[in-house]
Every structure is written in C-alpha cells, then in structure tokens.
Amino acid sequence: MKKLMLFAVVAVFGLFNVNAQETSFGVLGGLSIHSAKAESGGFSATTSETGFHIGGFAQIGISEEFSVQPELTYSIAGDLAMFSLNAIAKYNVSEEFNIQLGPQVGLVGGDLGDALDATDDTTKMNLQLAAGVGYDINEDIFVQARYGFQLNDHYTGDGDASWKINTLSVGVGYKF
C-alpha cells in the first residue's frame, strides 16, 4: 500500500513538470454521502450517512480535451471521516462539460476507523474507482458530481464476510 501511495504522489508531481504552464490550482467542497454495506453468511446490512467534503486540487492540462485533476480531500459523514488522494482524468466533451474517471485512495478515520483498528482482520484503506461529470460555470467556478465504487474490502479475514464503503460527492470548486 505504501508503494502504491508513493507511486501516485510521484506520478502526480511528475505531471506538474510536464505541463506546468497549463496548471491551475483551487479549492472544492460540497455534499458527501457514504454508503456502507456489510455482508456475512447470507446476512446483509446497508447504512448511509450524509456529510460534507472539502479539499484542494490541481488541474493539469494535457491537451485541449484532456486533463488530470489530482485532489486531496477530507470528508466526514456520521461516524466516518476519510482523507482521500484522488487522481481524476477529465475529458472535455465540450468547452463547459466534462466526464471524469479515476482512482480515489482513502484512509478511513473517525469512530469507524477506530472500529477498524479493533481487529487484525480489517484495513482502513479505501480504494475506489470514481466516475462522474463536471460543468464549468465560468473560467474559475465549476460544479461536479462523482460516485466512487470501492474495489477492495475493509474485511481482510477468512470467510465470506465483506465490508465496503461507496461514496457520492456533489460539489463546487474554485480555480485560482
């Protein structure tokens, strides 16, 4: 996991050197909904909590149609808090509208993170594949909506148990 995080950070900063002239920075925030699903031996339970997220980003232009948006975000909803490092690829369908796809690597905290620490059969890492859309209102302000599907499992022990957290985020951003 440490190697994956190191690779992601090196890749993101490597991109800054490629197209630094087409890079903008900014802040973002908005609504977050975390949906947790636990399954074990035919039993299934799902809960959802609503909260917010805030963070910072860099938008790195690769071409007119394509850019990469690395983000560092913090979200909190109910008993769940999560820091995430996201590397979102953006394809501009038009001047204002874009589609987004990329990995989101999170570290679960809060009361839920404490519960994950209570056993050796769990992990706090939350690896998601996110897909979404964005709309540039003007040169500085944009809105976006994204859904993250968890790829790994918080339960790492033996048996047929599973515990995953998916996220929906809807927010606004401001470019400097």
N, C-alpha and C. Protein backbone atom coordinates (compact mmCIF):
# COMPACT_ATOMS: atom_id res chain seq x y z
N MET A 1 0.82 -1.19 0.00
CA MET A 1 0.00 0.00 0.00
C MET A 1 0.87 1.25 0.00
N LYS A 2 1.96 1.23 0.80
CA LYS A 2 2.84 2.39 0.85
C LYS A 2 3.46 2.64 -0.52
N LYS A 3 3.80 1.56 -1.24
CA LYS A 3 4.38 1.72 -2.57
C LYS A 3 3.37 2.33 -3.53
N LEU A 4 2.09 1.93 -3.43
CA LEU A 4 1.04 2.49 -4.28
C LEU A 4 0.87 3.98 -4.03
N MET A 5 0.84 4.37 -2.77
CA MET A 5 0.68 5.79 -2.43
C MET A 5 1.90 6.59 -2.92
N LEU A 6 3.11 6.05 -2.74
CA LEU A 6 4.31 6.73 -3.19
C LEU A 6 4.29 6.89 -4.71
N PHE A 7 3.89 5.84 -5.43
CA PHE A 7 3.80 5.90 -6.89
C PHE A 7 2.81 6.98 -7.31
N ALA A 8 1.64 7.05 -6.66
CA ALA A 8 0.62 8.04 -7.01
C ALA A 8 1.15 9.45 -6.80
N VAL A 9 1.82 9.69 -5.68
CA VAL A 9 2.35 11.02 -5.40
C VAL A 9 3.43 11.40 -6.42
N VAL A 10 4.34 10.49 -6.72
CA VAL A 10 5.40 10.75 -7.70
C VAL A 10 4.80 11.02 -9.08
N ALA A 11 3.80 10.23 -9.47
CA ALA A 11 3.16 10.42 -10.78
C ALA A 11 2.49 11.78 -10.87
N VAL A 12 1.79 12.17 -9.82
CA VAL A 12 1.09 13.45 -9.81
C VAL A 12 2.09 14.60 -9.92
N PHE A 13 3.15 14.58 -9.11
CA PHE A 13 4.12 15.66 -9.16
C PHE A 13 4.93 15.63 -10.45
N GLY A 14 5.11 14.46 -11.05
CA GLY A 14 5.78 14.36 -12.34
C GLY A 14 4.99 15.06 -13.42
N LEU A 15 3.67 15.00 -13.34
CA LEU A 15 2.83 15.67 -14.32
C LEU A 15 2.94 17.19 -14.22
N PHE A 16 3.21 17.71 -13.00
CA PHE A 16 3.36 19.15 -12.85
C PHE A 16 4.50 19.66 -13.72
N ASN A 17 5.57 18.90 -13.84
CA ASN A 17 6.72 19.32 -14.62
C ASN A 17 6.45 19.24 -16.12
N VAL A 18 5.55 18.37 -16.56
CA VAL A 18 5.26 18.20 -17.98
C VAL A 18 4.53 19.41 -18.55
N ASN A 19 3.51 19.90 -17.88
CA ASN A 19 2.68 20.98 -18.41
C ASN A 19 2.42 22.04 -17.35
N ALA A 20 3.45 22.50 -16.69
CA ALA A 20 3.26 23.48 -15.62
C ALA A 20 2.58 24.75 -16.13
N GLN A 21 2.76 25.10 -17.42
CA GLN A 21 2.14 26.30 -17.95
C GLN A 21 0.62 26.15 -18.07
N GLU A 22 0.09 24.95 -18.05
CA GLU A 22 -1.35 24.73 -18.17
C GLU A 22 -1.94 24.20 -16.88
N THR A 23 -1.34 24.53 -15.75
CA THR A 23 -1.79 24.02 -14.46
C THR A 23 -2.48 25.13 -13.68
N SER A 24 -3.64 24.79 -13.10
CA SER A 24 -4.32 25.72 -12.20
C SER A 24 -4.57 25.00 -10.89
N PHE A 25 -4.69 25.77 -9.84
CA PHE A 25 -4.93 25.23 -8.50
C PHE A 25 -6.24 25.78 -7.97
N GLY A 26 -6.80 25.10 -6.96
CA GLY A 26 -8.03 25.60 -6.41
C GLY A 26 -8.50 24.82 -5.20
N VAL A 27 -9.71 25.16 -4.77
CA VAL A 27 -10.35 24.51 -3.62
C VAL A 27 -11.70 23.98 -4.07
N LEU A 28 -12.19 22.98 -3.36
CA LEU A 28 -13.50 22.42 -3.66
C LEU A 28 -14.18 21.96 -2.38
N GLY A 29 -15.47 21.81 -2.46
CA GLY A 29 -16.23 21.34 -1.31
C GLY A 29 -17.66 21.06 -1.71
N GLY A 30 -18.37 20.36 -0.81
CA GLY A 30 -19.76 20.07 -1.09
C GLY A 30 -20.32 18.94 -0.25
N LEU A 31 -21.35 18.34 -0.75
CA LEU A 31 -22.10 17.28 -0.08
C LEU A 31 -21.46 15.92 -0.35
N SER A 32 -21.37 15.09 0.69
CA SER A 32 -20.88 13.72 0.55
C SER A 32 -21.88 12.76 1.18
N ILE A 33 -22.11 11.65 0.52
CA ILE A 33 -22.94 10.58 1.07
C ILE A 33 -22.11 9.30 1.04
N HIS A 34 -21.89 8.72 2.22
CA HIS A 34 -21.14 7.47 2.35
C HIS A 34 -22.13 6.35 2.58
N SER A 35 -22.06 5.33 1.76
CA SER A 35 -22.95 4.17 1.86
C SER A 35 -22.11 2.95 2.22
N ALA A 36 -22.34 2.40 3.42
CA ALA A 36 -21.57 1.23 3.89
C ALA A 36 -22.45 -0.01 3.78
N LYS A 37 -21.85 -1.08 3.26
CA LYS A 37 -22.57 -2.35 3.12
C LYS A 37 -21.73 -3.45 3.75
N ALA A 38 -22.34 -4.15 4.70
CA ALA A 38 -21.68 -5.28 5.37
C ALA A 38 -22.47 -6.55 5.04
N GLU A 39 -21.74 -7.62 4.70
CA GLU A 39 -22.36 -8.90 4.39
C GLU A 39 -21.60 -10.01 5.11
N SER A 40 -22.35 -11.00 5.59
CA SER A 40 -21.72 -12.15 6.22
C SER A 40 -22.73 -13.29 6.29
N GLY A 41 -22.38 -14.43 5.71
CA GLY A 41 -23.21 -15.63 5.80
C GLY A 41 -24.66 -15.44 5.42
N GLY A 42 -24.93 -14.73 4.34
CA GLY A 42 -26.31 -14.53 3.90
C GLY A 42 -26.98 -13.31 4.53
N PHE A 43 -26.38 -12.71 5.54
CA PHE A 43 -26.91 -11.50 6.18
C PHE A 43 -26.30 -10.29 5.50
N SER A 44 -27.11 -9.27 5.25
CA SER A 44 -26.64 -8.06 4.59
C SER A 44 -27.26 -6.83 5.27
N ALA A 45 -26.46 -5.81 5.49
CA ALA A 45 -26.95 -4.57 6.08
C ALA A 45 -26.29 -3.39 5.36
N THR A 46 -27.09 -2.37 5.05
CA THR A 46 -26.59 -1.18 4.38
C THR A 46 -27.01 0.05 5.17
N THR A 47 -26.07 0.97 5.36
CA THR A 47 -26.38 2.24 6.01
C THR A 47 -25.80 3.36 5.17
N SER A 48 -26.42 4.52 5.24
CA SER A 48 -25.92 5.71 4.54
C SER A 48 -25.86 6.87 5.51
N GLU A 49 -24.82 7.67 5.37
CA GLU A 49 -24.65 8.88 6.18
C GLU A 49 -24.35 10.03 5.24
N THR A 50 -24.91 11.19 5.55
CA THR A 50 -24.70 12.40 4.75
C THR A 50 -23.81 13.36 5.51
N GLY A 51 -22.89 13.97 4.80
CA GLY A 51 -21.98 14.94 5.40
C GLY A 51 -21.43 15.88 4.35
N PHE A 52 -20.17 16.25 4.50
CA PHE A 52 -19.56 17.20 3.57
C PHE A 52 -18.12 16.80 3.28
N HIS A 53 -17.57 17.42 2.24
CA HIS A 53 -16.16 17.25 1.91
C HIS A 53 -15.56 18.61 1.55
N ILE A 54 -14.26 18.76 1.83
CA ILE A 54 -13.51 19.94 1.46
C ILE A 54 -12.14 19.48 0.99
N GLY A 55 -11.48 20.29 0.18
CA GLY A 55 -10.16 19.89 -0.27
C GLY A 55 -9.55 20.88 -1.23
N GLY A 56 -8.39 20.48 -1.73
CA GLY A 56 -7.67 21.26 -2.70
C GLY A 56 -7.32 20.40 -3.91
N PHE A 57 -7.04 21.04 -5.02
CA PHE A 57 -6.76 20.30 -6.25
C PHE A 57 -5.80 21.08 -7.13
N ALA A 58 -5.27 20.39 -8.10
CA ALA A 58 -4.52 20.99 -9.20
C ALA A 58 -5.14 20.43 -10.48
N GLN A 59 -5.38 21.28 -11.45
CA GLN A 59 -5.86 20.81 -12.74
C GLN A 59 -4.73 20.97 -13.73
N ILE A 60 -4.28 19.83 -14.28
CA ILE A 60 -3.11 19.80 -15.14
C ILE A 60 -3.56 19.50 -16.57
N GLY A 61 -3.41 20.48 -17.46
CA GLY A 61 -3.82 20.31 -18.84
C GLY A 61 -2.83 19.45 -19.61
N ILE A 62 -3.32 18.42 -20.26
CA ILE A 62 -2.51 17.56 -21.10
C ILE A 62 -2.71 17.96 -22.57
N SER A 63 -3.96 18.20 -22.94
CA SER A 63 -4.32 18.69 -24.27
C SER A 63 -5.59 19.53 -24.10
N GLU A 64 -6.15 20.01 -25.21
CA GLU A 64 -7.39 20.79 -25.12
C GLU A 64 -8.54 19.98 -24.55
N GLU A 65 -8.58 18.69 -24.88
CA GLU A 65 -9.69 17.84 -24.45
C GLU A 65 -9.43 17.09 -23.15
N PHE A 66 -8.18 16.94 -22.76
CA PHE A 66 -7.85 16.04 -21.67
C PHE A 66 -7.03 16.74 -20.59
N SER A 67 -7.39 16.48 -19.31
CA SER A 67 -6.61 16.99 -18.18
C SER A 67 -6.67 15.99 -17.04
N VAL A 68 -5.78 16.16 -16.09
CA VAL A 68 -5.74 15.33 -14.90
C VAL A 68 -5.95 16.25 -13.70
N GLN A 69 -6.79 15.80 -12.77
CA GLN A 69 -7.08 16.62 -11.60
C GLN A 69 -6.76 15.84 -10.32
N PRO A 70 -5.51 15.93 -9.82
CA PRO A 70 -5.21 15.33 -8.53
C PRO A 70 -5.86 16.17 -7.42
N GLU A 71 -6.39 15.49 -6.42
CA GLU A 71 -7.09 16.15 -5.32
C GLU A 71 -6.66 15.54 -3.99
N LEU A 72 -6.66 16.36 -2.96
CA LEU A 72 -6.54 15.89 -1.59
C LEU A 72 -7.79 16.40 -0.88
N THR A 73 -8.63 15.48 -0.41
CA THR A 73 -9.90 15.87 0.20
C THR A 73 -10.07 15.24 1.58
N TYR A 74 -10.90 15.90 2.37
CA TYR A 74 -11.31 15.38 3.68
C TYR A 74 -12.83 15.36 3.67
N SER A 75 -13.42 14.22 4.01
CA SER A 75 -14.88 14.14 4.09
C SER A 75 -15.27 13.57 5.44
N ILE A 76 -16.43 13.99 5.91
CA ILE A 76 -16.96 13.49 7.17
C ILE A 76 -18.47 13.33 7.02
N ALA A 77 -18.96 12.18 7.47
CA ALA A 77 -20.40 11.89 7.42
C ALA A 77 -20.70 10.91 8.54
N GLY A 78 -21.49 11.32 9.50
CA GLY A 78 -21.81 10.45 10.63
C GLY A 78 -20.56 10.07 11.40
N ASP A 79 -20.35 8.77 11.61
CA ASP A 79 -19.18 8.26 12.35
C ASP A 79 -17.97 8.05 11.47
N LEU A 80 -18.06 8.39 10.19
CA LEU A 80 -16.99 8.13 9.23
C LEU A 80 -16.30 9.43 8.82
N ALA A 81 -14.99 9.42 8.89
CA ALA A 81 -14.17 10.50 8.36
C ALA A 81 -13.17 9.86 7.41
N MET A 82 -12.82 10.55 6.33
CA MET A 82 -11.90 9.95 5.36
C MET A 82 -11.04 11.03 4.69
N PHE A 83 -9.72 10.80 4.68
CA PHE A 83 -8.81 11.58 3.85
C PHE A 83 -8.63 10.80 2.56
N SER A 84 -8.71 11.49 1.43
CA SER A 84 -8.57 10.81 0.13
C SER A 84 -7.59 11.55 -0.76
N LEU A 85 -6.81 10.76 -1.49
CA LEU A 85 -5.94 11.26 -2.54
C LEU A 85 -6.52 10.73 -3.84
N ASN A 86 -7.01 11.64 -4.68
CA ASN A 86 -7.69 11.28 -5.92
C ASN A 86 -6.86 11.70 -7.12
N ALA A 87 -6.90 10.91 -8.18
CA ALA A 87 -6.23 11.24 -9.44
C ALA A 87 -7.26 11.07 -10.55
N ILE A 88 -8.01 12.11 -10.83
CA ILE A 88 -9.15 12.05 -11.74
C ILE A 88 -8.76 12.54 -13.13
N ALA A 89 -8.98 11.69 -14.13
CA ALA A 89 -8.79 12.07 -15.52
C ALA A 89 -10.08 12.74 -16.00
N LYS A 90 -9.95 13.87 -16.68
CA LYS A 90 -11.11 14.61 -17.16
C LYS A 90 -11.03 14.73 -18.68
N TYR A 91 -12.11 14.36 -19.34
CA TYR A 91 -12.21 14.51 -20.79
C TYR A 91 -13.29 15.55 -21.09
N ASN A 92 -12.90 16.62 -21.78
CA ASN A 92 -13.84 17.69 -22.11
C ASN A 92 -14.67 17.31 -23.33
N VAL A 93 -15.94 17.08 -23.11
CA VAL A 93 -16.88 16.78 -24.19
C VAL A 93 -17.19 18.06 -24.96
N SER A 94 -17.29 19.17 -24.24
CA SER A 94 -17.47 20.49 -24.84
C SER A 94 -16.64 21.47 -24.02
N GLU A 95 -16.76 22.77 -24.32
CA GLU A 95 -15.99 23.76 -23.56
C GLU A 95 -16.37 23.77 -22.09
N GLU A 96 -17.64 23.49 -21.78
CA GLU A 96 -18.11 23.57 -20.40
C GLU A 96 -18.25 22.20 -19.73
N PHE A 97 -18.57 21.15 -20.45
CA PHE A 97 -18.94 19.86 -19.89
C PHE A 97 -17.80 18.85 -19.98
N ASN A 98 -17.55 18.10 -18.89
CA ASN A 98 -16.51 17.06 -18.91
C ASN A 98 -17.00 15.81 -18.22
N ILE A 99 -16.39 14.68 -18.59
CA ILE A 99 -16.63 13.42 -17.89
C ILE A 99 -15.35 13.07 -17.15
N GLN A 100 -15.50 12.39 -16.00
CA GLN A 100 -14.38 12.14 -15.11
C GLN A 100 -14.29 10.66 -14.76
N LEU A 101 -13.05 10.18 -14.62
CA LEU A 101 -12.81 8.78 -14.24
C LEU A 101 -11.43 8.68 -13.60
N GLY A 102 -11.34 7.94 -12.51
CA GLY A 102 -10.04 7.75 -11.91
C GLY A 102 -10.09 7.14 -10.53
N PRO A 103 -8.91 6.83 -9.97
CA PRO A 103 -8.83 6.22 -8.65
C PRO A 103 -8.96 7.24 -7.53
N GLN A 104 -9.53 6.79 -6.43
CA GLN A 104 -9.59 7.55 -5.19
C GLN A 104 -9.06 6.62 -4.10
N VAL A 105 -8.00 7.02 -3.44
CA VAL A 105 -7.41 6.21 -2.38
C VAL A 105 -7.65 6.93 -1.06
N GLY A 106 -8.43 6.30 -0.18
CA GLY A 106 -8.81 6.94 1.07
C GLY A 106 -8.29 6.19 2.29
N LEU A 107 -8.20 6.91 3.39
CA LEU A 107 -7.84 6.36 4.68
C LEU A 107 -8.99 6.68 5.63
N VAL A 108 -9.68 5.63 6.12
CA VAL A 108 -10.87 5.80 6.96
C VAL A 108 -10.47 6.16 8.38
N GLY A 109 -11.15 7.14 8.95
CA GLY A 109 -10.91 7.56 10.32
C GLY A 109 -12.22 7.73 11.06
N GLY A 110 -12.21 8.50 12.12
CA GLY A 110 -13.40 8.70 12.94
C GLY A 110 -13.71 7.46 13.75
N ASP A 111 -14.94 7.37 14.27
CA ASP A 111 -15.34 6.21 15.07
C ASP A 111 -15.25 4.93 14.26
N LEU A 112 -15.57 5.01 12.97
CA LEU A 112 -15.49 3.83 12.13
C LEU A 112 -14.05 3.38 11.96
N GLY A 113 -13.13 4.32 11.84
CA GLY A 113 -11.72 3.99 11.77
C GLY A 113 -11.23 3.33 13.05
N ASP A 114 -11.73 3.81 14.19
CA ASP A 114 -11.38 3.18 15.47
C ASP A 114 -11.88 1.74 15.51
N ALA A 115 -13.08 1.50 14.97
CA ALA A 115 -13.63 0.14 14.94
C ALA A 115 -12.78 -0.76 14.04
N LEU A 116 -12.27 -0.21 12.93
CA LEU A 116 -11.42 -0.99 12.04
C LEU A 116 -10.08 -1.32 12.71
N ASP A 117 -9.62 -0.45 13.60
CA ASP A 117 -8.38 -0.71 14.35
C ASP A 117 -8.54 -1.81 15.39
N ALA A 118 -9.78 -2.11 15.76
CA ALA A 118 -10.04 -3.05 16.86
C ALA A 118 -9.72 -4.50 16.50
N THR A 119 -9.51 -4.81 15.24
CA THR A 119 -9.24 -6.18 14.82
C THR A 119 -8.15 -6.23 13.76
N ASP A 120 -7.45 -7.34 13.71
CA ASP A 120 -6.42 -7.53 12.69
C ASP A 120 -7.00 -7.95 11.35
N ASP A 121 -8.30 -8.22 11.29
CA ASP A 121 -8.95 -8.72 10.08
C ASP A 121 -9.56 -7.60 9.24
N THR A 122 -9.12 -6.36 9.45
CA THR A 122 -9.67 -5.23 8.69
C THR A 122 -8.55 -4.31 8.24
N THR A 123 -8.88 -3.46 7.28
CA THR A 123 -7.96 -2.42 6.79
C THR A 123 -8.70 -1.09 6.73
N LYS A 124 -7.98 -0.02 6.98
CA LYS A 124 -8.56 1.32 6.88
C LYS A 124 -8.51 1.87 5.46
N MET A 125 -7.74 1.22 4.58
CA MET A 125 -7.59 1.71 3.21
C MET A 125 -8.88 1.51 2.41
N ASN A 126 -9.29 2.54 1.71
CA ASN A 126 -10.48 2.51 0.89
C ASN A 126 -10.05 2.88 -0.54
N LEU A 127 -9.96 1.88 -1.41
CA LEU A 127 -9.55 2.09 -2.80
C LEU A 127 -10.80 2.07 -3.68
N GLN A 128 -11.05 3.18 -4.36
CA GLN A 128 -12.27 3.31 -5.18
C GLN A 128 -11.93 3.65 -6.62
N LEU A 129 -12.84 3.27 -7.51
CA LEU A 129 -12.84 3.75 -8.88
C LEU A 129 -14.00 4.73 -8.97
N ALA A 130 -13.69 5.96 -9.32
CA ALA A 130 -14.71 7.01 -9.34
C ALA A 130 -15.06 7.39 -10.77
N ALA A 131 -16.33 7.67 -10.99
CA ALA A 131 -16.82 8.14 -12.28
C ALA A 131 -17.77 9.30 -12.03
N GLY A 132 -17.70 10.30 -12.90
CA GLY A 132 -18.58 11.45 -12.69
C GLY A 132 -18.60 12.40 -13.86
N VAL A 133 -19.21 13.55 -13.62
CA VAL A 133 -19.33 14.61 -14.62
C VAL A 133 -19.03 15.94 -13.96
N GLY A 134 -18.64 16.90 -14.79
CA GLY A 134 -18.39 18.25 -14.31
C GLY A 134 -18.88 19.27 -15.31
N TYR A 135 -19.15 20.47 -14.81
CA TYR A 135 -19.62 21.55 -15.66
C TYR A 135 -18.92 22.84 -15.21
N ASP A 136 -18.22 23.51 -16.15
CA ASP A 136 -17.56 24.77 -15.86
C ASP A 136 -18.56 25.91 -16.04
N ILE A 137 -18.92 26.56 -14.94
CA ILE A 137 -19.86 27.67 -14.99
C ILE A 137 -19.20 28.87 -15.66
N ASN A 138 -17.96 29.12 -15.30
CA ASN A 138 -17.15 30.13 -15.97
C ASN A 138 -15.69 29.68 -15.86
N GLU A 139 -14.75 30.55 -16.12
CA GLU A 139 -13.34 30.17 -16.12
C GLU A 139 -12.84 29.75 -14.74
N ASP A 140 -13.47 30.25 -13.68
CA ASP A 140 -12.99 30.00 -12.32
C ASP A 140 -13.85 29.03 -11.51
N ILE A 141 -15.13 28.94 -11.79
CA ILE A 141 -16.07 28.18 -10.95
C ILE A 141 -16.62 26.98 -11.72
N PHE A 142 -16.65 25.83 -11.06
CA PHE A 142 -17.21 24.62 -11.67
C PHE A 142 -18.02 23.85 -10.64
N VAL A 143 -18.89 22.97 -11.14
CA VAL A 143 -19.63 22.03 -10.31
C VAL A 143 -19.30 20.63 -10.81
N GLN A 144 -19.36 19.66 -9.90
CA GLN A 144 -19.08 18.29 -10.30
C GLN A 144 -19.85 17.33 -9.40
N ALA A 145 -20.11 16.15 -9.95
CA ALA A 145 -20.75 15.06 -9.20
C ALA A 145 -19.99 13.79 -9.55
N ARG A 146 -19.70 12.98 -8.52
CA ARG A 146 -18.88 11.79 -8.73
C ARG A 146 -19.32 10.68 -7.79
N TYR A 147 -19.31 9.44 -8.30
CA TYR A 147 -19.63 8.27 -7.48
C TYR A 147 -18.40 7.37 -7.44
N GLY A 148 -17.99 6.97 -6.24
CA GLY A 148 -16.84 6.10 -6.06
C GLY A 148 -17.26 4.70 -5.65
N PHE A 149 -16.87 3.69 -6.43
CA PHE A 149 -17.15 2.29 -6.14
C PHE A 149 -15.93 1.68 -5.45
N GLN A 150 -16.08 1.18 -4.23
CA GLN A 150 -14.94 0.60 -3.54
C GLN A 150 -14.52 -0.71 -4.19
N LEU A 151 -13.22 -0.83 -4.49
CA LEU A 151 -12.68 -2.01 -5.16
C LEU A 151 -12.14 -3.04 -4.18
N ASN A 152 -11.53 -2.58 -3.09
CA ASN A 152 -11.02 -3.51 -2.09
C ASN A 152 -12.09 -3.78 -1.03
N ASP A 153 -11.77 -4.50 0.00
CA ASP A 153 -12.71 -4.84 1.06
C ASP A 153 -12.09 -4.45 2.39
N HIS A 154 -12.86 -3.79 3.26
CA HIS A 154 -12.34 -3.45 4.59
C HIS A 154 -12.13 -4.70 5.44
N TYR A 155 -12.88 -5.76 5.16
CA TYR A 155 -12.68 -7.02 5.89
C TYR A 155 -11.65 -7.85 5.14
N THR A 156 -10.57 -8.20 5.82
CA THR A 156 -9.48 -8.94 5.18
C THR A 156 -9.32 -10.35 5.75
N GLY A 157 -10.20 -10.76 6.66
CA GLY A 157 -10.08 -12.07 7.30
C GLY A 157 -10.63 -13.19 6.43
N ASP A 158 -10.63 -14.38 7.01
CA ASP A 158 -11.16 -15.56 6.33
C ASP A 158 -12.68 -15.54 6.33
N GLY A 159 -13.26 -16.31 5.44
CA GLY A 159 -14.72 -16.42 5.40
C GLY A 159 -15.32 -15.60 4.29
N ASP A 160 -16.64 -15.56 4.28
CA ASP A 160 -17.37 -14.90 3.20
C ASP A 160 -17.86 -13.51 3.59
N ALA A 161 -17.30 -12.93 4.64
CA ALA A 161 -17.72 -11.60 5.07
C ALA A 161 -17.17 -10.53 4.14
N SER A 162 -17.86 -9.40 4.08
CA SER A 162 -17.46 -8.28 3.24
C SER A 162 -17.93 -6.99 3.88
N TRP A 163 -17.12 -5.93 3.75
CA TRP A 163 -17.49 -4.63 4.28
C TRP A 163 -16.91 -3.57 3.35
N LYS A 164 -17.80 -2.86 2.65
CA LYS A 164 -17.37 -1.85 1.67
C LYS A 164 -18.10 -0.54 1.90
N ILE A 165 -17.42 0.55 1.52
CA ILE A 165 -18.00 1.89 1.62
C ILE A 165 -17.87 2.57 0.26
N ASN A 166 -18.99 2.92 -0.34
CA ASN A 166 -19.03 3.67 -1.59
C ASN A 166 -19.38 5.12 -1.26
N THR A 167 -18.99 6.04 -2.14
CA THR A 167 -19.24 7.45 -1.86
C THR A 167 -19.87 8.17 -3.06
N LEU A 168 -20.74 9.10 -2.76
CA LEU A 168 -21.29 10.03 -3.73
C LEU A 168 -20.92 11.42 -3.27
N SER A 169 -20.30 12.19 -4.15
CA SER A 169 -19.96 13.56 -3.79
C SER A 169 -20.48 14.51 -4.87
N VAL A 170 -21.08 15.59 -4.43
CA VAL A 170 -21.59 16.63 -5.30
C VAL A 170 -21.04 17.94 -4.74
N GLY A 171 -20.35 18.71 -5.57
CA GLY A 171 -19.75 19.91 -5.01
C GLY A 171 -19.45 20.98 -6.03
N VAL A 172 -18.84 22.02 -5.51
CA VAL A 172 -18.45 23.18 -6.30
C VAL A 172 -16.97 23.42 -6.07
N GLY A 173 -16.30 23.95 -7.09
CA GLY A 173 -14.88 24.26 -6.96
C GLY A 173 -14.57 25.63 -7.50
N TYR A 174 -13.45 26.17 -6.98
CA TYR A 174 -12.98 27.49 -7.42
C TYR A 174 -11.52 27.39 -7.80
N LYS A 175 -11.17 27.80 -9.03
CA LYS A 175 -9.78 27.79 -9.52
C LYS A 175 -9.15 29.15 -9.27
N PHE A 176 -7.90 29.14 -8.82
CA PHE A 176 -7.17 30.40 -8.58
C PHE A 176 -6.54 30.89 -9.86
